[in-house]
Structures are given as structure tokens and as C-alpha cells.
PDB file of N, CA and C in Angstrom:
ATOM      1  N   UNK A   1      23.427  -1.291  81.402  1.00  0.00           N
ATOM      2  CA  UNK A   1      23.112  -0.783  82.604  1.00  0.00           C
ATOM      3  C   UNK A   1      21.913  -1.517  83.113  1.00  0.00           C
ATOM      4  N   UNK A   2      21.710  -1.952  84.541  1.00  0.00           N
ATOM      5  CA  UNK A   2      20.284  -2.047  85.120  1.00  0.00           C
ATOM      6  C   UNK A   2      19.564  -0.893  85.114  1.00  0.00           C
ATOM      7  N   UNK A   3      18.396  -1.252  84.968  1.00  0.00           N
ATOM      8  CA  UNK A   3      17.204   0.049  85.237  1.00  0.00           C
ATOM      9  C   UNK A   3      17.433   0.571  86.708  1.00  0.00           C
ATOM     10  N   UNK A   4      17.630  -0.325  87.708  1.00  0.00           N
ATOM     11  CA  UNK A   4      17.955  -0.036  89.333  1.00  0.00           C
ATOM     12  C   UNK A   4      19.256   1.189  89.415  1.00  0.00           C
ATOM     13  N   UNK A   5      20.092   0.572  88.433  1.00  0.00           N
ATOM     14  CA  UNK A   5      21.135   1.657  88.621  1.00  0.00           C
ATOM     15  C   UNK A   5      21.054   2.784  87.905  1.00  0.00           C
ATOM     16  N   UNK A   6      20.299   2.992  86.685  1.00  0.00           N
ATOM     17  CA  UNK A   6      19.547   4.161  86.313  1.00  0.00           C
ATOM     18  C   UNK A   6      18.850   4.912  87.065  1.00  0.00           C
ATOM     19  N   UNK A   7      17.915   4.297  88.101  1.00  0.00           N
ATOM     20  CA  UNK A   7      17.351   5.000  88.872  1.00  0.00           C
ATOM     21  C   UNK A   7      18.129   5.574  90.120  1.00  0.00           C
ATOM     22  N   UNK A   8      18.770   4.466  90.499  1.00  0.00           N
ATOM     23  CA  UNK A   8      19.981   5.692  91.828  1.00  0.00           C
ATOM     24  C   UNK A   8      20.805   6.486  91.079  1.00  0.00           C
ATOM     25  N   UNK A   9      21.149   6.548  89.824  1.00  0.00           N
ATOM     26  CA  UNK A   9      22.169   7.616  89.123  1.00  0.00           C
ATOM     27  C   UNK A   9      21.208   8.821  89.319  1.00  0.00           C
ATOM     28  N   UNK A  10      19.939   8.633  88.624  1.00  0.00           N
ATOM     29  CA  UNK A  10      19.053   9.758  88.512  1.00  0.00           C
ATOM     30  C   UNK A  10      18.670  10.310  90.098  1.00  0.00           C
ATOM     31  N   UNK A  11      18.346   9.665  91.060  1.00  0.00           N
ATOM     32  CA  UNK A  11      18.375  10.124  92.303  1.00  0.00           C
ATOM     33  C   UNK A  11      19.493  10.659  92.783  1.00  0.00           C
ATOM     34  N   UNK A  12      20.593  10.349  92.704  1.00  0.00           N
ATOM     35  CA  UNK A  12      21.825  10.883  93.210  1.00  0.00           C
ATOM     36  C   UNK A  12      22.050  12.361  92.445  1.00  0.00           C
ATOM     37  N   UNK A  13      21.697  12.436  90.959  1.00  0.00           N
ATOM     38  CA  UNK A  13      21.737  13.468  90.303  1.00  0.00           C
ATOM     39  C   UNK A  13      20.844  14.666  90.858  1.00  0.00           C
ATOM     40  N   UNK A  14      19.743  14.159  91.098  1.00  0.00           N
ATOM     41  CA  UNK A  14      18.515  15.425  91.662  1.00  0.00           C
ATOM     42  C   UNK A  14      19.205  15.773  93.193  1.00  0.00           C
ATOM     43  N   UNK A  15      19.315  14.943  93.777  1.00  0.00           N
ATOM     44  CA  UNK A  15      19.957  15.467  95.322  1.00  0.00           C
ATOM     45  C   UNK A  15      21.146  16.142  95.093  1.00  0.00           C
ATOM     46  N   UNK A  16      22.061  15.886  94.098  1.00  0.00           N
ATOM     47  CA  UNK A  16      22.993  16.883  94.122  1.00  0.00           C
ATOM     48  C   UNK A  16      22.857  18.309  93.203  1.00  0.00           C
ATOM     49  N   UNK A  17      22.389  18.038  92.017  1.00  0.00           N
ATOM     50  CA  UNK A  17      22.033  19.419  91.185  1.00  0.00           C
ATOM     51  C   UNK A  17      20.675  19.647  91.238  1.00  0.00           C
ATOM     52  N   UNK A  18      19.676  18.822  91.758  1.00  0.00           N
ATOM     53  CA  UNK A  18      18.070  19.277  91.315  1.00  0.00           C
ATOM     54  C   UNK A  18      17.578  19.861  92.272  1.00  0.00           C
ATOM     55  N   UNK A  19      18.043  19.891  93.524  1.00  0.00           N
ATOM     56  CA  UNK A  19      17.861  20.341  94.810  1.00  0.00           C
ATOM     57  C   UNK A  19      16.805  19.407  95.399  1.00  0.00           C
ATOM     58  N   UNK A  20      15.861  19.108  94.742  1.00  0.00           N
ATOM     59  CA  UNK A  20      14.707  18.260  94.995  1.00  0.00           C
ATOM     60  C   UNK A  20      13.778  17.972  93.665  1.00  0.00           C
ATOM     61  N   UNK A  21      12.984  16.689  93.747  1.00  0.00           N
ATOM     62  CA  UNK A  21      12.059  16.419  92.603  1.00  0.00           C
ATOM     63  C   UNK A  21      11.134  17.535  92.468  1.00  0.00           C
ATOM     64  N   UNK A  22      10.763  17.795  91.394  1.00  0.00           N
ATOM     65  CA  UNK A  22       9.485  18.454  90.869  1.00  0.00           C
ATOM     66  C   UNK A  22       8.375  17.554  91.659  1.00  0.00           C
ATOM     67  N   UNK A  23       7.233  18.080  91.942  1.00  0.00           N
ATOM     68  CA  UNK A  23       6.050  17.049  92.503  1.00  0.00           C
ATOM     69  C   UNK A  23       5.582  16.035  91.010  1.00  0.00           C
ATOM     70  N   UNK A  24       5.092  14.968  91.390  1.00  0.00           N
ATOM     71  CA  UNK A  24       4.462  14.273  90.621  1.00  0.00           C
ATOM     72  C   UNK A  24       3.601  14.678  89.459  1.00  0.00           C
ATOM     73  N   UNK A  25       2.716  15.725  89.919  1.00  0.00           N
ATOM     74  CA  UNK A  25       2.066  16.338  88.853  1.00  0.00           C
ATOM     75  C   UNK A  25       3.117  16.945  87.808  1.00  0.00           C
ATOM     76  N   UNK A  26       3.647  17.704  88.254  1.00  0.00           N
ATOM     77  CA  UNK A  26       4.911  18.860  87.575  1.00  0.00           C
ATOM     78  C   UNK A  26       5.515  17.811  86.594  1.00  0.00           C
ATOM     79  N   UNK A  27       5.982  16.507  87.183  1.00  0.00           N
ATOM     80  CA  UNK A  27       6.764  15.782  86.441  1.00  0.00           C
ATOM     81  C   UNK A  27       5.970  14.787  85.547  1.00  0.00           C
ATOM     82  N   UNK A  28       4.531  14.905  85.768  1.00  0.00           N
ATOM     83  CA  UNK A  28       3.804  14.115  84.746  1.00  0.00           C
ATOM     84  C   UNK A  28       3.676  15.269  83.424  1.00  0.00           C
ATOM     85  N   UNK A  29       3.496  16.639  83.880  1.00  0.00           N
ATOM     86  CA  UNK A  29       3.183  17.468  82.631  1.00  0.00           C
ATOM     87  C   UNK A  29       4.532  17.692  82.139  1.00  0.00           C
ATOM     88  N   UNK A  30       5.697  17.448  82.556  1.00  0.00           N
ATOM     89  CA  UNK A  30       7.004  17.776  81.693  1.00  0.00           C
ATOM     90  C   UNK A  30       7.130  16.354  80.972  1.00  0.00           C
ATOM     91  N   UNK A  31       6.925  15.342  81.555  1.00  0.00           N
ATOM     92  CA  UNK A  31       6.847  14.109  80.495  1.00  0.00           C
ATOM     93  C   UNK A  31       5.878  14.382  79.440  1.00  0.00           C
ATOM     94  N   UNK A  32       4.768  14.761  79.482  1.00  0.00           N
ATOM     95  CA  UNK A  32       3.686  15.229  78.375  1.00  0.00           C
ATOM     96  C   UNK A  32       4.578  16.010  77.324  1.00  0.00           C
ATOM     97  N   UNK A  33       5.308  17.055  78.047  1.00  0.00           N
ATOM     98  CA  UNK A  33       6.055  18.218  76.960  1.00  0.00           C
ATOM     99  C   UNK A  33       7.161  17.090  76.350  1.00  0.00           C
ATOM    100  N   UNK A  34       7.980  16.506  76.872  1.00  0.00           N
ATOM    101  CA  UNK A  34       9.249  15.809  76.403  1.00  0.00           C
ATOM    102  C   UNK A  34       8.500  14.835  75.386  1.00  0.00           C
ATOM    103  N   UNK A  35       7.089  13.988  75.540  1.00  0.00           N
ATOM    104  CA  UNK A  35       6.609  13.099  74.609  1.00  0.00           C
ATOM    105  C   UNK A  35       6.264  14.069  73.238  1.00  0.00           C
ATOM    106  N   UNK A  36       5.629  15.150  73.535  1.00  0.00           N
ATOM    107  CA  UNK A  36       5.388  15.986  72.580  1.00  0.00           C
ATOM    108  C   UNK A  36       6.669  16.366  71.635  1.00  0.00           C
ATOM    109  N   UNK A  37       7.730  16.515  72.068  1.00  0.00           N
ATOM    110  CA  UNK A  37       9.043  17.113  71.797  1.00  0.00           C
ATOM    111  C   UNK A  37       9.444  15.842  70.508  1.00  0.00           C
ATOM    112  N   UNK A  38       9.239  14.702  71.243  1.00  0.00           N
ATOM    113  CA  UNK A  38       9.365  13.559  70.423  1.00  0.00           C
ATOM    114  C   UNK A  38       8.492  13.126  69.234  1.00  0.00           C
ATOM    115  N   UNK A  39       7.078  13.461  69.814  1.00  0.00           N
ATOM    116  CA  UNK A  39       6.166  13.260  68.341  1.00  0.00           C
ATOM    117  C   UNK A  39       6.488  14.072  67.384  1.00  0.00           C
ATOM    118  N   UNK A  40       7.077  15.616  67.780  1.00  0.00           N
ATOM    119  CA  UNK A  40       7.190  16.342  66.736  1.00  0.00           C
ATOM    120  C   UNK A  40       8.241  15.988  65.499  1.00  0.00           C
ATOM    121  N   UNK A  41       9.325  15.498  66.132  1.00  0.00           N
ATOM    122  CA  UNK A  41      10.573  14.784  65.460  1.00  0.00           C
ATOM    123  C   UNK A  41      10.111  13.461  64.642  1.00  0.00           C
ATOM    124  N   UNK A  42       9.257  12.937  65.642  1.00  0.00           N
ATOM    125  CA  UNK A  42       9.053  11.444  64.446  1.00  0.00           C
ATOM    126  C   UNK A  42       7.747  11.841  63.325  1.00  0.00           C
ATOM    127  N   UNK A  43       6.772  12.634  63.667  1.00  0.00           N
ATOM    128  CA  UNK A  43       5.854  13.331  62.553  1.00  0.00           C
ATOM    129  C   UNK A  43       6.298  14.123  61.500  1.00  0.00           C
ATOM    130  N   UNK A  44       7.467  14.729  61.571  1.00  0.00           N
ATOM    131  CA  UNK A  44       8.214  15.483  60.245  1.00  0.00           C
ATOM    132  C   UNK A  44       9.300  14.907  59.832  1.00  0.00           C
ATOM    133  N   UNK A  45       9.860  13.882  60.458  1.00  0.00           N
ATOM    134  CA  UNK A  45      10.908  13.154  60.169  1.00  0.00           C
ATOM    135  C   UNK A  45      10.765  11.724  59.620  1.00  0.00           C
ATOM    136  N   UNK A  46       9.981  10.990  59.978  1.00  0.00           N
ATOM    137  CA  UNK A  46       9.668   9.984  59.707  1.00  0.00           C
ATOM    138  C   UNK A  46       8.099   9.627  59.236  1.00  0.00           C
ATOM    139  N   UNK A  47       7.180  10.781  59.480  1.00  0.00           N
ATOM    140  CA  UNK A  47       5.841  11.076  58.872  1.00  0.00           C
ATOM    141  C   UNK A  47       5.838  11.652  57.633  1.00  0.00           C
ATOM    142  N   UNK A  48       4.485  12.122  57.766  1.00  0.00           N
ATOM    143  CA  UNK A  48       4.173  12.612  56.280  1.00  0.00           C
ATOM    144  C   UNK A  48       4.109  14.247  56.274  1.00  0.00           C
ATOM    145  N   UNK A  49       4.504  14.655  57.617  1.00  0.00           N
ATOM    146  CA  UNK A  49       4.706  16.430  57.492  1.00  0.00           C
ATOM    147  C   UNK A  49       6.070  16.902  57.256  1.00  0.00           C
ATOM    148  N   UNK A  50       6.214  17.911  56.519  1.00  0.00           N
ATOM    149  CA  UNK A  50       7.588  18.344  56.290  1.00  0.00           C
ATOM    150  C   UNK A  50       8.496  18.842  57.421  1.00  0.00           C
ATOM    151  N   UNK A  51       9.525  18.570  57.293  1.00  0.00           N
ATOM    152  CA  UNK A  51      10.505  18.780  58.631  1.00  0.00           C
ATOM    153  C   UNK A  51      10.810  20.326  58.246  1.00  0.00           C
ATOM    154  N   UNK A  52      10.773  21.152  59.222  1.00  0.00           N
ATOM    155  CA  UNK A  52      11.151  22.433  59.035  1.00  0.00           C
ATOM    156  C   UNK A  52      12.631  22.539  59.026  1.00  0.00           C
ATOM    157  N   UNK A  53      13.488  23.598  58.618  1.00  0.00           N
ATOM    158  CA  UNK A  53      14.889  23.626  58.732  1.00  0.00           C
ATOM    159  C   UNK A  53      15.419  23.731  60.422  1.00  0.00           C
ATOM    160  N   UNK A  54      14.565  24.357  61.070  1.00  0.00           N
ATOM    161  CA  UNK A  54      14.902  24.342  62.596  1.00  0.00           C
ATOM    162  C   UNK A  54      14.538  23.182  63.183  1.00  0.00           C
ATOM    163  N   UNK A  55      13.684  22.430  62.615  1.00  0.00           N
ATOM    164  CA  UNK A  55      13.880  20.783  63.513  1.00  0.00           C
ATOM    165  C   UNK A  55      14.775  19.928  62.944  1.00  0.00           C
ATOM    166  N   UNK A  56      15.658  20.151  61.733  1.00  0.00           N
ATOM    167  CA  UNK A  56      16.517  19.253  61.495  1.00  0.00           C
ATOM    168  C   UNK A  56      17.690  19.054  62.642  1.00  0.00           C
ATOM    169  N   UNK A  57      17.832  20.031  63.256  1.00  0.00           N
ATOM    170  CA  UNK A  57      19.212  19.857  64.340  1.00  0.00           C
ATOM    171  C   UNK A  57      18.643  19.199  65.753  1.00  0.00           C
ATOM    172  N   UNK A  58      17.409  18.950  65.741  1.00  0.00           N
ATOM    173  CA  UNK A  58      16.713  17.958  67.084  1.00  0.00           C
ATOM    174  C   UNK A  58      17.019  16.999  67.120  1.00  0.00           C
ATOM    175  N   UNK A  59      17.578  16.490  67.981  1.00  0.00           N
ATOM    176  CA  UNK A  59      18.073  15.066  68.559  1.00  0.00           C
ATOM    177  C   UNK A  59      17.091  14.177  68.610  1.00  0.00           C
ATOM    178  N   UNK A  60      17.212  12.993  68.083  1.00  0.00           N
ATOM    179  CA  UNK A  60      16.269  12.242  68.527  1.00  0.00           C
ATOM    180  C   UNK A  60      16.584  11.573  69.607  1.00  0.00           C
ATOM    181  N   UNK A  61      17.518  10.753  70.002  1.00  0.00           N
ATOM    182  CA  UNK A  61      18.056  10.111  71.013  1.00  0.00           C
ATOM    183  C   UNK A  61      18.018  10.856  72.153  1.00  0.00           C
ATOM    184  N   UNK A  62      18.252  12.150  71.906  1.00  0.00           N
ATOM    185  CA  UNK A  62      18.457  13.312  73.489  1.00  0.00           C
ATOM    186  C   UNK A  62      16.984  13.340  73.744  1.00  0.00           C
ATOM    187  N   UNK A  63      15.874  13.526  72.862  1.00  0.00           N
ATOM    188  CA  UNK A  63      14.600  13.458  73.049  1.00  0.00           C
ATOM    189  C   UNK A  63      14.083  12.425  73.969  1.00  0.00           C
ATOM    190  N   UNK A  64      14.220  10.934  73.478  1.00  0.00           N
ATOM    191  CA  UNK A  64      13.841   9.727  74.109  1.00  0.00           C
ATOM    192  C   UNK A  64      14.723   9.731  75.368  1.00  0.00           C
ATOM    193  N   UNK A  65      16.072  10.156  75.487  1.00  0.00           N
ATOM    194  CA  UNK A  65      16.612  10.072  76.873  1.00  0.00           C
ATOM    195  C   UNK A  65      15.973  11.100  77.828  1.00  0.00           C
ATOM    196  N   UNK A  66      15.294  12.478  77.183  1.00  0.00           N
ATOM    197  CA  UNK A  66      14.864  13.085  78.294  1.00  0.00           C
ATOM    198  C   UNK A  66      13.681  12.461  78.730  1.00  0.00           C
ATOM    199  N   UNK A  67      12.739  11.948  77.874  1.00  0.00           N
ATOM    200  CA  UNK A  67      11.436  10.982  78.349  1.00  0.00           C
ATOM    201  C   UNK A  67      11.854   9.770  79.629  1.00  0.00           C
ATOM    202  N   UNK A  68      13.144   9.117  79.288  1.00  0.00           N
ATOM    203  CA  UNK A  68      13.448   8.111  80.273  1.00  0.00           C
ATOM    204  C   UNK A  68      13.792   8.541  81.663  1.00  0.00           C
ATOM    205  N   UNK A  69      14.783   9.794  81.484  1.00  0.00           N
ATOM    206  CA  UNK A  69      15.039  10.628  82.586  1.00  0.00           C
ATOM    207  C   UNK A  69      14.074  11.121  83.214  1.00  0.00           C
ATOM    208  N   UNK A  70      12.755  11.472  82.792  1.00  0.00           N
ATOM    209  CA  UNK A  70      11.519  11.889  83.642  1.00  0.00           C
ATOM    210  C   UNK A  70      10.725  10.838  83.989  1.00  0.00           C
ATOM    211  N   UNK A  71      10.714   9.815  83.368  1.00  0.00           N
ATOM    212  CA  UNK A  71      10.043   8.443  83.659  1.00  0.00           C
ATOM    213  C   UNK A  71      10.735   7.904  85.048  1.00  0.00           C
ATOM    214  N   UNK A  72      11.807   7.965  84.987  1.00  0.00           N
ATOM    215  CA  UNK A  72      12.830   7.517  86.088  1.00  0.00           C
ATOM    216  C   UNK A  72      12.546   8.433  87.352  1.00  0.00           C
ATOM    217  N   UNK A  73      12.433   9.760  87.086  1.00  0.00           N
ATOM    218  CA  UNK A  73      12.106  10.556  88.322  1.00  0.00           C
ATOM    219  C   UNK A  73      10.933  10.089  88.717  1.00  0.00           C
ATOM    220  N   UNK A  74       9.871  10.021  87.883  1.00  0.00           N
ATOM    221  CA  UNK A  74       8.400   9.760  88.516  1.00  0.00           C
ATOM    222  C   UNK A  74       8.496   8.209  89.212  1.00  0.00           C
ATOM    223  N   UNK A  75       9.263   7.406  88.384  1.00  0.00           N
ATOM    224  CA  UNK A  75       9.371   6.095  89.269  1.00  0.00           C
ATOM    225  C   UNK A  75       9.873   6.076  90.775  1.00  0.00           C
ATOM    226  N   UNK A  76      10.766   6.956  90.910  1.00  0.00           N
ATOM    227  CA  UNK A  76      11.617   7.019  92.211  1.00  0.00           C
ATOM    228  C   UNK A  76      10.658   7.469  93.307  1.00  0.00           C
ATOM    229  N   UNK A  77      10.139   8.904  92.714  1.00  0.00           N
ATOM    230  CA  UNK A  77       9.479   9.529  93.632  1.00  0.00           C
ATOM    231  C   UNK A  77       7.923   9.247  94.040  1.00  0.00           C
ATOM    232  N   UNK A  78       7.667   7.830  93.347  1.00  0.00           N
ATOM    233  CA  UNK A  78       6.340   7.252  93.429  1.00  0.00           C
ATOM    234  C   UNK A  78       6.686   5.582  94.194  1.00  0.00           C
ATOM    235  N   UNK A  79       7.905   5.688  94.277  1.00  0.00           N
ATOM    236  CA  UNK A  79       8.260   4.123  95.017  1.00  0.00           C
ATOM    237  C   UNK A  79       8.333   3.121  94.008  1.00  0.00           C
ATOM    238  N   UNK A  80       8.511   3.318  92.924  1.00  0.00           N
ATOM    239  CA  UNK A  80       8.121   2.233  91.609  1.00  0.00           C
ATOM    240  C   UNK A  80       9.699   1.660  91.511  1.00  0.00           C
ATOM    241  N   UNK A  81       9.921   0.214  91.739  1.00  0.00           N
ATOM    242  CA  UNK A  81      11.079  -0.367  90.890  1.00  0.00           C
ATOM    243  C   UNK A  81      10.832  -0.820  89.794  1.00  0.00           C
ATOM    244  N   UNK A  82      11.279   0.118  88.986  1.00  0.00           N
ATOM    245  CA  UNK A  82      11.007   0.309  87.473  1.00  0.00           C
ATOM    246  C   UNK A  82      11.780  -1.190  86.782  1.00  0.00           C
ATOM    247  N   UNK A  83      12.693  -1.613  87.358  1.00  0.00           N
ATOM    248  CA  UNK A  83      13.296  -2.754  86.672  1.00  0.00           C
ATOM    249  C   UNK A  83      12.471  -4.096  86.914  1.00  0.00           C
ATOM    250  N   UNK A  84      11.751  -4.300  87.975  1.00  0.00           N
ATOM    251  CA  UNK A  84      10.901  -5.326  88.542  1.00  0.00           C
ATOM    252  C   UNK A  84       9.570  -5.120  87.695  1.00  0.00           C
ATOM    253  N   UNK A  85       9.208  -3.807  87.621  1.00  0.00           N
ATOM    254  CA  UNK A  85       8.008  -3.374  86.875  1.00  0.00           C
ATOM    255  C   UNK A  85       7.944  -4.088  85.322  1.00  0.00           C
ATOM    256  N   UNK A  86       9.147  -3.481  85.002  1.00  0.00           N
ATOM    257  CA  UNK A  86       9.409  -3.935  83.319  1.00  0.00           C
ATOM    258  C   UNK A  86       9.592  -5.279  83.264  1.00  0.00           C
ATOM    259  N   UNK A  87      10.271  -5.979  84.440  1.00  0.00           N
ATOM    260  CA  UNK A  87      10.418  -7.821  84.213  1.00  0.00           C
ATOM    261  C   UNK A  87       8.996  -8.143  84.146  1.00  0.00           C
ATOM    262  N   UNK A  88       7.954  -7.389  84.949  1.00  0.00           N
ATOM    263  CA  UNK A  88       6.623  -8.147  85.074  1.00  0.00           C
ATOM    264  C   UNK A  88       6.034  -7.639  83.743  1.00  0.00           C
ATOM    265  N   UNK A  89       6.242  -6.643  83.458  1.00  0.00           N
ATOM    266  CA  UNK A  89       5.362  -6.052  82.434  1.00  0.00           C
ATOM    267  C   UNK A  89       5.656  -7.391  80.984  1.00  0.00           C
ATOM    268  N   UNK A  90       7.040  -7.241  80.633  1.00  0.00           N
ATOM    269  CA  UNK A  90       7.388  -8.211  79.896  1.00  0.00           C
ATOM    270  C   UNK A  90       6.780  -9.827  79.988  1.00  0.00           C
ATOM    271  N   UNK A  91       6.980 -10.080  81.299  1.00  0.00           N
ATOM    272  CA  UNK A  91       6.137 -11.378  80.985  1.00  0.00           C
ATOM    273  C   UNK A  91       4.505 -11.608  80.674  1.00  0.00           C
ATOM    274  N   UNK A  92       4.015 -10.387  81.479  1.00  0.00           N
ATOM    275  CA  UNK A  92       2.436 -10.268  81.062  1.00  0.00           C
ATOM    276  C   UNK A  92       2.400 -10.202  79.463  1.00  0.00           C
ATOM    277  N   UNK A  93       3.304  -9.476  79.012  1.00  0.00           N
ATOM    278  CA  UNK A  93       2.832  -9.346  77.422  1.00  0.00           C
ATOM    279  C   UNK A  93       3.548 -10.646  76.872  1.00  0.00           C
ATOM    280  N   UNK A  94       4.400 -11.369  77.169  1.00  0.00           N
ATOM    281  CA  UNK A  94       4.608 -12.592  76.655  1.00  0.00           C
ATOM    282  C   UNK A  94       3.621 -13.842  76.687  1.00  0.00           C
ATOM    283  N   UNK A  95       3.136 -13.805  77.757  1.00  0.00           N
ATOM    284  CA  UNK A  95       2.017 -14.642  78.096  1.00  0.00           C
ATOM    285  C   UNK A  95       0.645 -14.484  77.345  1.00  0.00           C
ATOM    286  N   UNK A  96       0.482 -13.009  77.087  1.00  0.00           N
ATOM    287  CA  UNK A  96      -0.795 -12.588  76.627  1.00  0.00           C
ATOM    288  C   UNK A  96      -0.618 -12.645  75.304  1.00  0.00           C
ATOM    289  N   UNK A  97       0.458 -12.271  74.578  1.00  0.00           N
ATOM    290  CA  UNK A  97       0.394 -11.956  73.250  1.00  0.00           C
ATOM    291  C   UNK A  97       1.785 -13.078  72.556  1.00  0.00           C
ATOM    292  N   UNK A  98       1.883 -14.249  72.989  1.00  0.00           N
ATOM    293  CA  UNK A  98       2.537 -15.210  72.402  1.00  0.00           C
ATOM    294  C   UNK A  98       2.416 -15.334  70.975  1.00  0.00           C
ATOM    295  N   UNK A  99       1.088 -15.499  70.567  1.00  0.00           N
ATOM    296  CA  UNK A  99       1.098 -15.834  69.359  1.00  0.00           C
ATOM    297  C   UNK A  99       0.153 -14.950  68.576  1.00  0.00           C
ATOM    298  N   UNK A 100      -0.383 -13.804  69.412  1.00  0.00           N
ATOM    299  CA  UNK A 100      -1.524 -12.630  68.642  1.00  0.00           C
ATOM    300  C   UNK A 100      -0.539 -12.157  67.355  1.00  0.00           C
ATOM    301  N   UNK A 101       0.595 -11.566  67.619  1.00  0.00           N
ATOM    302  CA  UNK A 101       1.240 -10.948  66.461  1.00  0.00           C
ATOM    303  C   UNK A 101       1.582 -11.537  65.827  1.00  0.00           C
ATOM    304  N   UNK A 102       2.202 -13.146  65.983  1.00  0.00           N
ATOM    305  CA  UNK A 102       2.759 -13.849  64.865  1.00  0.00           C
ATOM    306  C   UNK A 102       1.630 -14.473  64.051  1.00  0.00           C
ATOM    307  N   UNK A 103       0.575 -14.580  64.601  1.00  0.00           N
ATOM    308  CA  UNK A 103      -0.677 -14.967  63.651  1.00  0.00           C
ATOM    309  C   UNK A 103      -1.601 -13.752  62.955  1.00  0.00           C
ATOM    310  N   UNK A 104      -0.935 -12.602  63.421  1.00  0.00           N
ATOM    311  CA  UNK A 104      -1.707 -11.382  62.742  1.00  0.00           C
ATOM    312  C   UNK A 104      -1.083 -11.183  60.939  1.00  0.00           C
ATOM    313  N   UNK A 105      -2.402 -11.410  60.264  1.00  0.00           N
ATOM    314  CA  UNK A 105      -2.240 -11.215  58.886  1.00  0.00           C
ATOM    315  C   UNK A 105      -1.652  -9.814  58.583  1.00  0.00           C
ATOM    316  N   UNK A 106      -2.102  -8.875  59.199  1.00  0.00           N
ATOM    317  CA  UNK A 106      -1.677  -7.545  58.627  1.00  0.00           C
ATOM    318  C   UNK A 106      -0.396  -7.303  59.035  1.00  0.00           C
ATOM    319  N   UNK A 107       0.455  -8.230  59.567  1.00  0.00           N
ATOM    320  CA  UNK A 107       1.712  -7.891  59.991  1.00  0.00           C
ATOM    321  C   UNK A 107       2.864  -8.553  59.267  1.00  0.00           C
ATOM    322  N   UNK A 108       2.021  -9.658  58.042  1.00  0.00           N
ATOM    323  CA  UNK A 108       2.838 -10.848  57.743  1.00  0.00           C
ATOM    324  C   UNK A 108       3.270  -9.798  56.169  1.00  0.00           C
ATOM    325  N   UNK A 109       4.425 -10.395  55.885  1.00  0.00           N
ATOM    326  CA  UNK A 109       5.272  -9.359  54.834  1.00  0.00           C
ATOM    327  C   UNK A 109       4.894 -10.084  53.410  1.00  0.00           C
ATOM    328  N   UNK A 110       4.797  -9.424  52.579  1.00  0.00           N
ATOM    329  CA  UNK A 110       4.667 -10.144  51.300  1.00  0.00           C
ATOM    330  C   UNK A 110       5.885 -11.097  50.821  1.00  0.00           C
TER     331      UNK A 110
END
């Protein structure tokens, strides 16, 4: 799916079920909350913290999708064409980091 289509789907959903977008500051706080939920799963499932029994039912993919939904909301309400922004960002990273990671000795495997 194209990102622009995802932006339209979210906008249509907000208009049909969400009544209106939360304001930008509220959505930013919600984004931080969702990122925290992802961090909890990552630190307990893949990091050094032990996973509580109650954490084992948490769905990593669902938490990532929650973050994407809120990012799309913020993009829509601030007029950001996320697809264009992403493409420009990838061009920037590619231009800037063409050899940076390839030449990083820390990243080379034994």
C-alpha cells in the first residue's frame, strides 16, 4: 500500500468514527505513550529485562501499527505528505551515509 493511501484511509476513518482529530499536542502525547508500550515489549522480550506473564500477551505488530496510525494522524493534521517526506528522507540518508555503515568496523561480523 502506498503511504498516501494509508493517509487517506486514516483520514476517512477519523471522519467516520473518530469525530475529529485530537489536537496536535494530544496526538504527540499519544505517540509517546504508544512508543513507551513498544519499548516495554522490546526491553522485556528482546532486552535484558524479564518478561512478566502479563506482557507475554502483548502484540508487537499491533503496537507498531498503533505508532504508525498516530504518526499518520499527526502528518494529516499538519499537512505533511508522508510519502514524499519519507522518499526525501531516504534520499538524504542514502546520499549522506553511502559508505558510513559499510566502512564501520563495529558493524562488521567475524
